[in-house]
Amino acid sequence: MLLDTVPSALQSSSSNNGATAQVDPNQIAHLLELQTDVERHLAKIERLLIQMEYNQTSGNQQVAVSDVTMNFGDKVIFLVTWAAAAVPASLIFLTVTWFALSILREMLATLL
């Protein structure tokens, strides 16, 4: 419990059977160090929460990939699949480009 962590000299007089509490300067210094440490941690948590809120509201999420382990067979399958997917993509790109250029050519032909 929190009361167990408070130095005995700083506890209320009711827990000391009505005796007047004597404050040790070392205990006060220790409590001030603890307070500074807690404030520092709270500031760090606040910065992290602000960053999390910013990431959620802006739609951005930072991701850091440190390592991807893949054996050789999986890499070969991945690259072959990637190459196979590039063929229809390039055909679609060429078709759209051909269509756009033909429209542009017709527009320029009518102007000249």
PDB file of N, CA and C in Angstrom:
ATOM      1  N   MET A   1       0.828  -1.183   0.000  1.00  0.00           N
ATOM      2  CA  MET A   1       0.000   0.000   0.000  1.00  0.00           C
ATOM      3  C   MET A   1       0.869   1.242   0.000  1.00  0.00           C
ATOM      4  N   LEU A   2       0.288   2.380  -0.391  1.00  0.00           N
ATOM      5  CA  LEU A   2       1.044   3.619  -0.465  1.00  0.00           C
ATOM      6  C   LEU A   2       1.510   4.067   0.907  1.00  0.00           C
ATOM      7  N   LEU A   3       0.701   3.844   1.947  1.00  0.00           N
ATOM      8  CA  LEU A   3       1.073   4.257   3.295  1.00  0.00           C
ATOM      9  C   LEU A   3       2.329   3.539   3.764  1.00  0.00           C
ATOM     10  N   ASP A   4       2.546   2.334   3.282  1.00  0.00           N
ATOM     11  CA  ASP A   4       3.748   1.597   3.660  1.00  0.00           C
ATOM     12  C   ASP A   4       4.999   2.218   3.062  1.00  0.00           C
ATOM     13  N   THR A   5       4.870   2.927   1.945  1.00  0.00           N
ATOM     14  CA  THR A   5       6.039   3.522   1.303  1.00  0.00           C
ATOM     15  C   THR A   5       6.396   4.880   1.877  1.00  0.00           C
ATOM     16  N   VAL A   6       5.466   5.531   2.596  1.00  0.00           N
ATOM     17  CA  VAL A   6       5.746   6.835   3.200  1.00  0.00           C
ATOM     18  C   VAL A   6       6.615   6.616   4.434  1.00  0.00           C
ATOM     19  N   PRO A   7       7.684   7.399   4.586  1.00  0.00           N
ATOM     20  CA  PRO A   7       8.528   7.255   5.773  1.00  0.00           C
ATOM     21  C   PRO A   7       7.714   7.455   7.041  1.00  0.00           C
ATOM     22  N   SER A   8       8.062   6.723   8.075  1.00  0.00           N
ATOM     23  CA  SER A   8       7.264   6.719   9.300  1.00  0.00           C
ATOM     24  C   SER A   8       7.202   8.091   9.951  1.00  0.00           C
ATOM     25  N   ALA A   9       8.218   8.908   9.811  1.00  0.00           N
ATOM     26  CA  ALA A   9       8.212  10.226  10.438  1.00  0.00           C
ATOM     27  C   ALA A   9       7.231  11.165   9.761  1.00  0.00           C
ATOM     28  N   LEU A  10       6.818  10.880   8.536  1.00  0.00           N
ATOM     29  CA  LEU A  10       5.913  11.760   7.817  1.00  0.00           C
ATOM     30  C   LEU A  10       4.472  11.292   7.877  1.00  0.00           C
ATOM     31  N   GLN A  11       4.198  10.165   8.520  1.00  0.00           N
ATOM     32  CA  GLN A  11       2.835   9.686   8.634  1.00  0.00           C
ATOM     33  C   GLN A  11       2.093  10.550   9.642  1.00  0.00           C
ATOM     34  N   SER A  12       0.773  10.508   9.580  1.00  0.00           N
ATOM     35  CA  SER A  12      -0.028  11.372  10.445  1.00  0.00           C
ATOM     36  C   SER A  12       0.179  11.010  11.908  1.00  0.00           C
ATOM     37  N   SER A  13      -0.134  11.971  12.761  1.00  0.00           N
ATOM     38  CA  SER A  13       0.073  11.759  14.189  1.00  0.00           C
ATOM     39  C   SER A  13      -0.870  10.708  14.741  1.00  0.00           C
ATOM     40  N   SER A  14      -1.989  10.441  14.065  1.00  0.00           N
ATOM     41  CA  SER A  14      -2.911   9.414  14.547  1.00  0.00           C
ATOM     42  C   SER A  14      -2.288   8.029  14.437  1.00  0.00           C
ATOM     43  N   SER A  15      -1.423   7.830  13.425  1.00  0.00           N
ATOM     44  CA  SER A  15      -0.779   6.531  13.307  1.00  0.00           C
ATOM     45  C   SER A  15       0.410   6.419  14.256  1.00  0.00           C
ATOM     46  N   ASN A  16       0.861   7.541  14.803  1.00  0.00           N
ATOM     47  CA  ASN A  16       1.968   7.539  15.768  1.00  0.00           C
ATOM     48  C   ASN A  16       1.460   7.690  17.191  1.00  0.00           C
ATOM     49  N   ASN A  17       0.199   7.351  17.442  1.00  0.00           N
ATOM     50  CA  ASN A  17      -0.424   7.425  18.762  1.00  0.00           C
ATOM     51  C   ASN A  17      -0.423   8.846  19.306  1.00  0.00           C
ATOM     52  N   GLY A  18      -0.640   9.826  18.445  1.00  0.00           N
ATOM     53  CA  GLY A  18      -0.772  11.202  18.880  1.00  0.00           C
ATOM     54  C   GLY A  18       0.542  11.919  19.093  1.00  0.00           C
ATOM     55  N   ALA A  19       1.666  11.256  18.911  1.00  0.00           N
ATOM     56  CA  ALA A  19       2.959  11.912  19.112  1.00  0.00           C
ATOM     57  C   ALA A  19       3.235  12.853  17.950  1.00  0.00           C
ATOM     58  N   THR A  20       3.998  13.899  18.223  1.00  0.00           N
ATOM     59  CA  THR A  20       4.339  14.860  17.186  1.00  0.00           C
ATOM     60  C   THR A  20       5.340  14.228  16.230  1.00  0.00           C
ATOM     61  N   ALA A  21       5.121  14.444  14.935  1.00  0.00           N
ATOM     62  CA  ALA A  21       5.987  13.842  13.925  1.00  0.00           C
ATOM     63  C   ALA A  21       7.283  14.631  13.812  1.00  0.00           C
ATOM     64  N   GLN A  22       8.391  13.916  13.771  1.00  0.00           N
ATOM     65  CA  GLN A  22       9.701  14.525  13.558  1.00  0.00           C
ATOM     66  C   GLN A  22      10.082  14.297  12.099  1.00  0.00           C
ATOM     67  N   VAL A  23      10.447  15.362  11.409  1.00  0.00           N
ATOM     68  CA  VAL A  23      10.765  15.274   9.993  1.00  0.00           C
ATOM     69  C   VAL A  23      12.270  15.225   9.825  1.00  0.00           C
ATOM     70  N   ASP A  24      12.714  14.202   9.132  1.00  0.00           N
ATOM     71  CA  ASP A  24      14.139  14.034   8.853  1.00  0.00           C
ATOM     72  C   ASP A  24      14.464  14.712   7.525  1.00  0.00           C
ATOM     73  N   PRO A  25      15.482  15.574   7.469  1.00  0.00           N
ATOM     74  CA  PRO A  25      15.832  16.244   6.206  1.00  0.00           C
ATOM     75  C   PRO A  25      16.204  15.260   5.096  1.00  0.00           C
ATOM     76  N   ASN A  26      16.786  14.135   5.449  1.00  0.00           N
ATOM     77  CA  ASN A  26      17.126  13.132   4.435  1.00  0.00           C
ATOM     78  C   ASN A  26      15.870  12.559   3.785  1.00  0.00           C
ATOM     79  N   GLN A  27      14.843  12.373   4.612  1.00  0.00           N
ATOM     80  CA  GLN A  27      13.589  11.853   4.074  1.00  0.00           C
ATOM     81  C   GLN A  27      12.919  12.872   3.155  1.00  0.00           C
ATOM     82  N   ILE A  28      13.007  14.148   3.525  1.00  0.00           N
ATOM     83  CA  ILE A  28      12.441  15.192   2.672  1.00  0.00           C
ATOM     84  C   ILE A  28      13.188  15.233   1.342  1.00  0.00           C
ATOM     85  N   ALA A  29      14.509  15.143   1.390  1.00  0.00           N
ATOM     86  CA  ALA A  29      15.301  15.142   0.159  1.00  0.00           C
ATOM     87  C   ALA A  29      14.936  13.936  -0.704  1.00  0.00           C
ATOM     88  N   HIS A  30      14.743  12.794  -0.058  1.00  0.00           N
ATOM     89  CA  HIS A  30      14.362  11.587  -0.795  1.00  0.00           C
ATOM     90  C   HIS A  30      12.989  11.761  -1.450  1.00  0.00           C
ATOM     91  N   LEU A  31      12.047  12.348  -0.706  1.00  0.00           N
ATOM     92  CA  LEU A  31      10.719  12.576  -1.268  1.00  0.00           C
ATOM     93  C   LEU A  31      10.768  13.567  -2.431  1.00  0.00           C
ATOM     94  N   LEU A  32      11.616  14.587  -2.333  1.00  0.00           N
ATOM     95  CA  LEU A  32      11.760  15.538  -3.434  1.00  0.00           C
ATOM     96  C   LEU A  32      12.357  14.863  -4.665  1.00  0.00           C
ATOM     97  N   GLU A  33      13.307  13.962  -4.454  1.00  0.00           N
ATOM     98  CA  GLU A  33      13.871  13.203  -5.576  1.00  0.00           C
ATOM     99  C   GLU A  33      12.800  12.335  -6.231  1.00  0.00           C
ATOM    100  N   LEU A  34      11.987  11.691  -5.395  1.00  0.00           N
ATOM    101  CA  LEU A  34      10.905  10.862  -5.929  1.00  0.00           C
ATOM    102  C   LEU A  34       9.904  11.704  -6.714  1.00  0.00           C
ATOM    103  N   GLN A  35       9.581  12.887  -6.173  1.00  0.00           N
ATOM    104  CA  GLN A  35       8.640  13.766  -6.855  1.00  0.00           C
ATOM    105  C   GLN A  35       9.198  14.208  -8.205  1.00  0.00           C
ATOM    106  N   THR A  36      10.471  14.558  -8.251  1.00  0.00           N
ATOM    107  CA  THR A  36      11.100  14.959  -9.512  1.00  0.00           C
ATOM    108  C   THR A  36      11.084  13.813 -10.510  1.00  0.00           C
ATOM    109  N   ASP A  37      11.377  12.613 -10.028  1.00  0.00           N
ATOM    110  CA  ASP A  37      11.388  11.439 -10.897  1.00  0.00           C
ATOM    111  C   ASP A  37       9.991  11.155 -11.454  1.00  0.00           C
ATOM    112  N   VAL A  38       8.982  11.256 -10.610  1.00  0.00           N
ATOM    113  CA  VAL A  38       7.603  11.022 -11.047  1.00  0.00           C
ATOM    114  C   VAL A  38       7.185  12.082 -12.063  1.00  0.00           C
ATOM    115  N   GLU A  39       7.543  13.342 -11.815  1.00  0.00           N
ATOM    116  CA  GLU A  39       7.199  14.409 -12.759  1.00  0.00           C
ATOM    117  C   GLU A  39       7.874  14.185 -14.114  1.00  0.00           C
ATOM    118  N   ARG A  40       9.119  13.722 -14.088  1.00  0.00           N
ATOM    119  CA  ARG A  40       9.835  13.448 -15.332  1.00  0.00           C
ATOM    120  C   ARG A  40       9.153  12.320 -16.106  1.00  0.00           C
ATOM    121  N   HIS A  41       8.757  11.271 -15.392  1.00  0.00           N
ATOM    122  CA  HIS A  41       8.072  10.154 -16.053  1.00  0.00           C
ATOM    123  C   HIS A  41       6.705  10.583 -16.588  1.00  0.00           C
ATOM    124  N   LEU A  42       6.001  11.414 -15.836  1.00  0.00           N
ATOM    125  CA  LEU A  42       4.703  11.891 -16.308  1.00  0.00           C
ATOM    126  C   LEU A  42       4.845  12.756 -17.558  1.00  0.00           C
ATOM    127  N   ALA A  43       5.889  13.573 -17.608  1.00  0.00           N
ATOM    128  CA  ALA A  43       6.127  14.392 -18.803  1.00  0.00           C
ATOM    129  C   ALA A  43       6.424  13.504 -20.008  1.00  0.00           C
ATOM    130  N   LYS A  44       7.192  12.438 -19.786  1.00  0.00           N
ATOM    131  CA  LYS A  44       7.499  11.512 -20.874  1.00  0.00           C
ATOM    132  C   LYS A  44       6.232  10.804 -21.357  1.00  0.00           C
ATOM    133  N   ILE A  45       5.393  10.379 -20.427  1.00  0.00           N
ATOM    134  CA  ILE A  45       4.136   9.723 -20.780  1.00  0.00           C
ATOM    135  C   ILE A  45       3.230  10.691 -21.533  1.00  0.00           C
ATOM    136  N   GLU A  46       3.209  11.951 -21.089  1.00  0.00           N
ATOM    137  CA  GLU A  46       2.384  12.949 -21.766  1.00  0.00           C
ATOM    138  C   GLU A  46       2.845  13.158 -23.209  1.00  0.00           C
ATOM    139  N   ARG A  47       4.170  13.220 -23.422  1.00  0.00           N
ATOM    140  CA  ARG A  47       4.688  13.365 -24.784  1.00  0.00           C
ATOM    141  C   ARG A  47       4.296  12.168 -25.647  1.00  0.00           C
ATOM    142  N   LEU A  48       4.376  10.965 -25.081  1.00  0.00           N
ATOM    143  CA  LEU A  48       3.992   9.767 -25.832  1.00  0.00           C
ATOM    144  C   LEU A  48       2.503   9.766 -26.168  1.00  0.00           C
ATOM    145  N   LEU A  49       1.679  10.198 -25.226  1.00  0.00           N
ATOM    146  CA  LEU A  49       0.241  10.246 -25.478  1.00  0.00           C
ATOM    147  C   LEU A  49      -0.101  11.283 -26.545  1.00  0.00           C
ATOM    148  N   ILE A  50       0.592  12.420 -26.517  1.00  0.00           N
ATOM    149  CA  ILE A  50       0.365  13.438 -27.544  1.00  0.00           C
ATOM    150  C   ILE A  50       0.756  12.896 -28.908  1.00  0.00           C
ATOM    151  N   GLN A  51       1.885  12.186 -28.972  1.00  0.00           N
ATOM    152  CA  GLN A  51       2.325  11.604 -30.246  1.00  0.00           C
ATOM    153  C   GLN A  51       1.335  10.551 -30.734  1.00  0.00           C
ATOM    154  N   MET A  52       0.817   9.727 -29.810  1.00  0.00           N
ATOM    155  CA  MET A  52      -0.168   8.717 -30.194  1.00  0.00           C
ATOM    156  C   MET A  52      -1.444   9.376 -30.708  1.00  0.00           C
ATOM    157  N   GLU A  53      -1.884  10.443 -30.029  1.00  0.00           N
ATOM    158  CA  GLU A  53      -3.087  11.146 -30.463  1.00  0.00           C
ATOM    159  C   GLU A  53      -2.875  11.765 -31.841  1.00  0.00           C
ATOM    160  N   TYR A  54      -1.702  12.345 -32.070  1.00  0.00           N
ATOM    161  CA  TYR A  54      -1.398  12.928 -33.377  1.00  0.00           C
ATOM    162  C   TYR A  54      -1.430  11.855 -34.459  1.00  0.00           C
ATOM    163  N   ASN A  55      -0.836  10.706 -34.176  1.00  0.00           N
ATOM    164  CA  ASN A  55      -0.813   9.625 -35.163  1.00  0.00           C
ATOM    165  C   ASN A  55      -2.217   9.130 -35.476  1.00  0.00           C
ATOM    166  N   GLN A  56      -3.079   9.090 -34.466  1.00  0.00           N
ATOM    167  CA  GLN A  56      -4.430   8.593 -34.690  1.00  0.00           C
ATOM    168  C   GLN A  56      -5.279   9.611 -35.437  1.00  0.00           C
ATOM    169  N   THR A  57      -5.081  10.903 -35.161  1.00  0.00           N
ATOM    170  CA  THR A  57      -5.904  11.906 -35.818  1.00  0.00           C
ATOM    171  C   THR A  57      -5.427  12.190 -37.233  1.00  0.00           C
ATOM    172  N   SER A  58      -4.137  12.086 -37.474  1.00  0.00           N
ATOM    173  CA  SER A  58      -3.632  12.396 -38.809  1.00  0.00           C
ATOM    174  C   SER A  58      -3.741  11.203 -39.751  1.00  0.00           C
ATOM    175  N   GLY A  59      -4.022  10.043 -39.228  1.00  0.00           N
ATOM    176  CA  GLY A  59      -4.122   8.857 -40.060  1.00  0.00           C
ATOM    177  C   GLY A  59      -2.780   8.223 -40.348  1.00  0.00           C
ATOM    178  N   ASN A  60      -1.723   8.828 -39.863  1.00  0.00           N
ATOM    179  CA  ASN A  60      -0.385   8.275 -40.075  1.00  0.00           C
ATOM    180  C   ASN A  60      -0.018   7.379 -38.905  1.00  0.00           C
ATOM    181  N   GLN A  61       0.671   6.336 -39.211  1.00  0.00           N
ATOM    182  CA  GLN A  61       1.185   5.475 -38.160  1.00  0.00           C
ATOM    183  C   GLN A  61       2.602   5.100 -38.533  1.00  0.00           C
ATOM    184  N   GLN A  62       3.521   5.425 -37.653  1.00  0.00           N
ATOM    185  CA  GLN A  62       4.919   5.153 -37.935  1.00  0.00           C
ATOM    186  C   GLN A  62       5.215   3.686 -37.665  1.00  0.00           C
ATOM    187  N   VAL A  63       5.879   3.072 -38.619  1.00  0.00           N
ATOM    188  CA  VAL A  63       6.237   1.664 -38.502  1.00  0.00           C
ATOM    189  C   VAL A  63       7.718   1.535 -38.801  1.00  0.00           C
ATOM    190  N   ALA A  64       8.416   0.810 -37.969  1.00  0.00           N
ATOM    191  CA  ALA A  64       9.837   0.559 -38.193  1.00  0.00           C
ATOM    192  C   ALA A  64      10.029  -0.947 -38.327  1.00  0.00           C
ATOM    193  N   VAL A  65      10.460  -1.376 -39.488  1.00  0.00           N
ATOM    194  CA  VAL A  65      10.736  -2.790 -39.719  1.00  0.00           C
ATOM    195  C   VAL A  65      12.207  -3.015 -39.425  1.00  0.00           C
ATOM    196  N   SER A  66      12.478  -3.844 -38.456  1.00  0.00           N
ATOM    197  CA  SER A  66      13.874  -4.051 -38.068  1.00  0.00           C
ATOM    198  C   SER A  66      14.513  -5.198 -38.836  1.00  0.00           C
ATOM    199  N   ASP A  67      13.762  -6.265 -39.082  1.00  0.00           N
ATOM    200  CA  ASP A  67      14.359  -7.405 -39.768  1.00  0.00           C
ATOM    201  C   ASP A  67      13.253  -8.293 -40.330  1.00  0.00           C
ATOM    202  N   VAL A  68      13.509  -8.823 -41.497  1.00  0.00           N
ATOM    203  CA  VAL A  68      12.598  -9.794 -42.103  1.00  0.00           C
ATOM    204  C   VAL A  68      13.415 -11.036 -42.401  1.00  0.00           C
ATOM    205  N   THR A  69      13.052 -12.129 -41.771  1.00  0.00           N
ATOM    206  CA  THR A  69      13.781 -13.373 -42.019  1.00  0.00           C
ATOM    207  C   THR A  69      12.966 -14.234 -42.968  1.00  0.00           C
ATOM    208  N   MET A  70      13.623 -14.685 -44.024  1.00  0.00           N
ATOM    209  CA  MET A  70      12.970 -15.491 -45.040  1.00  0.00           C
ATOM    210  C   MET A  70      14.001 -16.466 -45.589  1.00  0.00           C
ATOM    211  N   ASN A  71      13.631 -17.723 -45.695  1.00  0.00           N
ATOM    212  CA  ASN A  71      14.597 -18.658 -46.270  1.00  0.00           C
ATOM    213  C   ASN A  71      14.618 -18.514 -47.789  1.00  0.00           C
ATOM    214  N   PHE A  72      15.577 -19.158 -48.423  1.00  0.00           N
ATOM    215  CA  PHE A  72      15.819 -18.952 -49.853  1.00  0.00           C
ATOM    216  C   PHE A  72      14.620 -19.355 -50.709  1.00  0.00           C
ATOM    217  N   GLY A  73      14.004 -20.485 -50.394  1.00  0.00           N
ATOM    218  CA  GLY A  73      12.858 -20.956 -51.178  1.00  0.00           C
ATOM    219  C   GLY A  73      11.698 -19.975 -51.143  1.00  0.00           C
ATOM    220  N   ASP A  74      11.421 -19.415 -49.965  1.00  0.00           N
ATOM    221  CA  ASP A  74      10.345 -18.433 -49.854  1.00  0.00           C
ATOM    222  C   ASP A  74      10.669 -17.159 -50.632  1.00  0.00           C
ATOM    223  N   LYS A  75      11.943 -16.761 -50.639  1.00  0.00           N
ATOM    224  CA  LYS A  75      12.336 -15.574 -51.411  1.00  0.00           C
ATOM    225  C   LYS A  75      12.124 -15.803 -52.903  1.00  0.00           C
ATOM    226  N   VAL A  76      12.478 -16.995 -53.382  1.00  0.00           N
ATOM    227  CA  VAL A  76      12.296 -17.305 -54.804  1.00  0.00           C
ATOM    228  C   VAL A  76      10.819 -17.268 -55.163  1.00  0.00           C
ATOM    229  N   ILE A  77       9.982 -17.882 -54.331  1.00  0.00           N
ATOM    230  CA  ILE A  77       8.536 -17.886 -54.584  1.00  0.00           C
ATOM    231  C   ILE A  77       7.990 -16.463 -54.574  1.00  0.00           C
ATOM    232  N   PHE A  78       8.453 -15.655 -53.628  1.00  0.00           N
ATOM    233  CA  PHE A  78       8.004 -14.263 -53.547  1.00  0.00           C
ATOM    234  C   PHE A  78       8.379 -13.488 -54.806  1.00  0.00           C
ATOM    235  N   LEU A  79       9.615 -13.635 -55.259  1.00  0.00           N
ATOM    236  CA  LEU A  79      10.067 -12.893 -56.440  1.00  0.00           C
ATOM    237  C   LEU A  79       9.371 -13.366 -57.715  1.00  0.00           C
ATOM    238  N   VAL A  80       9.132 -14.667 -57.851  1.00  0.00           N
ATOM    239  CA  VAL A  80       8.423 -15.175 -59.029  1.00  0.00           C
ATOM    240  C   VAL A  80       6.983 -14.667 -59.026  1.00  0.00           C
ATOM    241  N   THR A  81       6.340 -14.679 -57.869  1.00  0.00           N
ATOM    242  CA  THR A  81       4.973 -14.167 -57.758  1.00  0.00           C
ATOM    243  C   THR A  81       4.933 -12.682 -58.095  1.00  0.00           C
ATOM    244  N   TRP A  82       5.915 -11.934 -57.610  1.00  0.00           N
ATOM    245  CA  TRP A  82       5.989 -10.499 -57.878  1.00  0.00           C
ATOM    246  C   TRP A  82       6.170 -10.241 -59.375  1.00  0.00           C
ATOM    247  N   ALA A  83       7.027 -11.021 -60.005  1.00  0.00           N
ATOM    248  CA  ALA A  83       7.245 -10.859 -61.450  1.00  0.00           C
ATOM    249  C   ALA A  83       5.990 -11.226 -62.234  1.00  0.00           C
ATOM    250  N   ALA A  84       5.294 -12.275 -61.813  1.00  0.00           N
ATOM    251  CA  ALA A  84       4.066 -12.679 -62.500  1.00  0.00           C
ATOM    252  C   ALA A  84       2.981 -11.613 -62.345  1.00  0.00           C
ATOM    253  N   ALA A  85       2.936 -10.958 -61.201  1.00  0.00           N
ATOM    254  CA  ALA A  85       1.944  -9.902 -60.990  1.00  0.00           C
ATOM    255  C   ALA A  85       2.299  -8.646 -61.773  1.00  0.00           C
ATOM    256  N   ALA A  86       3.564  -8.462 -62.106  1.00  0.00           N
ATOM    257  CA  ALA A  86       3.988  -7.273 -62.851  1.00  0.00           C
ATOM    258  C   ALA A  86       3.554  -7.332 -64.307  1.00  0.00           C
ATOM    259  N   VAL A  87       3.367  -8.522 -64.864  1.00  0.00           N
ATOM    260  CA  VAL A  87       2.997  -8.647 -66.279  1.00  0.00           C
ATOM    261  C   VAL A  87       1.617  -8.044 -66.544  1.00  0.00           C
ATOM    262  N   PRO A  88       0.553  -8.445 -65.836  1.00  0.00           N
ATOM    263  CA  PRO A  88      -0.745  -7.810 -66.100  1.00  0.00           C
ATOM    264  C   PRO A  88      -0.749  -6.323 -65.745  1.00  0.00           C
ATOM    265  N   ALA A  89       0.000  -5.956 -64.713  1.00  0.00           N
ATOM    266  CA  ALA A  89       0.054  -4.543 -64.347  1.00  0.00           C
ATOM    267  C   ALA A  89       0.672  -3.719 -65.464  1.00  0.00           C
ATOM    268  N   SER A  90       1.723  -4.225 -66.066  1.00  0.00           N
ATOM    269  CA  SER A  90       2.354  -3.488 -67.171  1.00  0.00           C
ATOM    270  C   SER A  90       1.435  -3.450 -68.388  1.00  0.00           C
ATOM    271  N   LEU A  91       0.691  -4.521 -68.647  1.00  0.00           N
ATOM    272  CA  LEU A  91      -0.261  -4.518 -69.764  1.00  0.00           C
ATOM    273  C   LEU A  91      -1.368  -3.487 -69.543  1.00  0.00           C
ATOM    274  N   ILE A  92      -1.858  -3.410 -68.325  1.00  0.00           N
ATOM    275  CA  ILE A  92      -2.890  -2.410 -68.014  1.00  0.00           C
ATOM    276  C   ILE A  92      -2.319  -1.006 -68.182  1.00  0.00           C
ATOM    277  N   PHE A  93      -1.106  -0.786 -67.680  1.00  0.00           N
ATOM    278  CA  PHE A  93      -0.467   0.521 -67.805  1.00  0.00           C
ATOM    279  C   PHE A  93      -0.278   0.900 -69.271  1.00  0.00           C
ATOM    280  N   LEU A  94       0.193  -0.037 -70.084  1.00  0.00           N
ATOM    281  CA  LEU A  94       0.404   0.249 -71.506  1.00  0.00           C
ATOM    282  C   LEU A  94      -0.911   0.526 -72.228  1.00  0.00           C
ATOM    283  N   THR A  95      -1.976  -0.190 -71.878  1.00  0.00           N
ATOM    284  CA  THR A  95      -3.281   0.034 -72.495  1.00  0.00           C
ATOM    285  C   THR A  95      -3.815   1.424 -72.155  1.00  0.00           C
ATOM    286  N   VAL A  96      -3.737   1.790 -70.895  1.00  0.00           N
ATOM    287  CA  VAL A  96      -4.209   3.116 -70.478  1.00  0.00           C
ATOM    288  C   VAL A  96      -3.379   4.207 -71.143  1.00  0.00           C
ATOM    289  N   THR A  97      -2.065   4.026 -71.204  1.00  0.00           N
ATOM    290  CA  THR A  97      -1.192   5.010 -71.847  1.00  0.00           C
ATOM    291  C   THR A  97      -1.511   5.124 -73.335  1.00  0.00           C
ATOM    292  N   TRP A  98      -1.688   4.000 -74.022  1.00  0.00           N
ATOM    293  CA  TRP A  98      -2.016   4.007 -75.448  1.00  0.00           C
ATOM    294  C   TRP A  98      -3.337   4.737 -75.692  1.00  0.00           C
ATOM    295  N   PHE A  99      -4.336   4.458 -74.826  1.00  0.00           N
ATOM    296  CA  PHE A  99      -5.639   5.104 -74.959  1.00  0.00           C
ATOM    297  C   PHE A  99      -5.526   6.613 -74.744  1.00  0.00           C
ATOM    298  N   ALA A 100      -4.795   7.035 -73.711  1.00  0.00           N
ATOM    299  CA  ALA A 100      -4.635   8.463 -73.431  1.00  0.00           C
ATOM    300  C   ALA A 100      -3.878   9.164 -74.558  1.00  0.00           C
ATOM    301  N   LEU A 101      -2.840   8.527 -75.077  1.00  0.00           N
ATOM    302  CA  LEU A 101      -2.079   9.140 -76.172  1.00  0.00           C
ATOM    303  C   LEU A 101      -2.895   9.218 -77.454  1.00  0.00           C
ATOM    304  N   SER A 102      -3.745   8.226 -77.707  1.00  0.00           N
ATOM    305  CA  SER A 102      -4.583   8.276 -78.913  1.00  0.00           C
ATOM    306  C   SER A 102      -5.602   9.405 -78.809  1.00  0.00           C
ATOM    307  N   ILE A 103      -6.158   9.618 -77.644  1.00  0.00           N
ATOM    308  CA  ILE A 103      -7.090  10.740 -77.451  1.00  0.00           C
ATOM    309  C   ILE A 103      -6.353  12.063 -77.633  1.00  0.00           C
ATOM    310  N   LEU A 104      -5.165  12.176 -77.057  1.00  0.00           N
ATOM    311  CA  LEU A 104      -4.368  13.392 -77.188  1.00  0.00           C
ATOM    312  C   LEU A 104      -3.992  13.644 -78.652  1.00  0.00           C
ATOM    313  N   ARG A 105      -3.644  12.597 -79.367  1.00  0.00           N
ATOM    314  CA  ARG A 105      -3.280  12.723 -80.783  1.00  0.00           C
ATOM    315  C   ARG A 105      -4.473  13.216 -81.604  1.00  0.00           C
ATOM    316  N   GLU A 106      -5.657  12.681 -81.328  1.00  0.00           N
ATOM    317  CA  GLU A 106      -6.857  13.118 -82.046  1.00  0.00           C
ATOM    318  C   GLU A 106      -7.190  14.573 -81.730  1.00  0.00           C
ATOM    319  N   MET A 107      -7.019  14.969 -80.472  1.00  0.00           N
ATOM    320  CA  MET A 107      -7.287  16.361 -80.098  1.00  0.00           C
ATOM    321  C   MET A 107      -6.320  17.304 -80.803  1.00  0.00           C
ATOM    322  N   LEU A 108      -5.045  16.938 -80.853  1.00  0.00           N
ATOM    323  CA  LEU A 108      -4.059  17.779 -81.527  1.00  0.00           C
ATOM    324  C   LEU A 108      -4.293  17.800 -83.038  1.00  0.00           C
ATOM    325  N   ALA A 109      -4.758  16.699 -83.608  1.00  0.00           N
ATOM    326  CA  ALA A 109      -5.017  16.640 -85.049  1.00  0.00           C
ATOM    327  C   ALA A 109      -6.175  17.553 -85.430  1.00  0.00           C
ATOM    328  N   THR A 110      -7.185  17.649 -84.560  1.00  0.00           N
ATOM    329  CA  THR A 110      -8.318  18.527 -84.863  1.00  0.00           C
ATOM    330  C   THR A 110      -7.937  19.997 -84.720  1.00  0.00           C
ATOM    331  N   LEU A 111      -6.990  20.308 -83.846  1.00  0.00           N
ATOM    332  CA  LEU A 111      -6.561  21.697 -83.671  1.00  0.00           C
ATOM    333  C   LEU A 111      -5.678  22.165 -84.817  1.00  0.00           C
ATOM    334  N   LEU A 112      -4.919  21.290 -85.390  1.00  0.00           N
ATOM    335  CA  LEU A 112      -3.994  21.690 -86.458  1.00  0.00           C
ATOM    336  C   LEU A 112      -4.643  21.513 -87.752  1.00  0.00           C
TER     337      LEU A 112
END
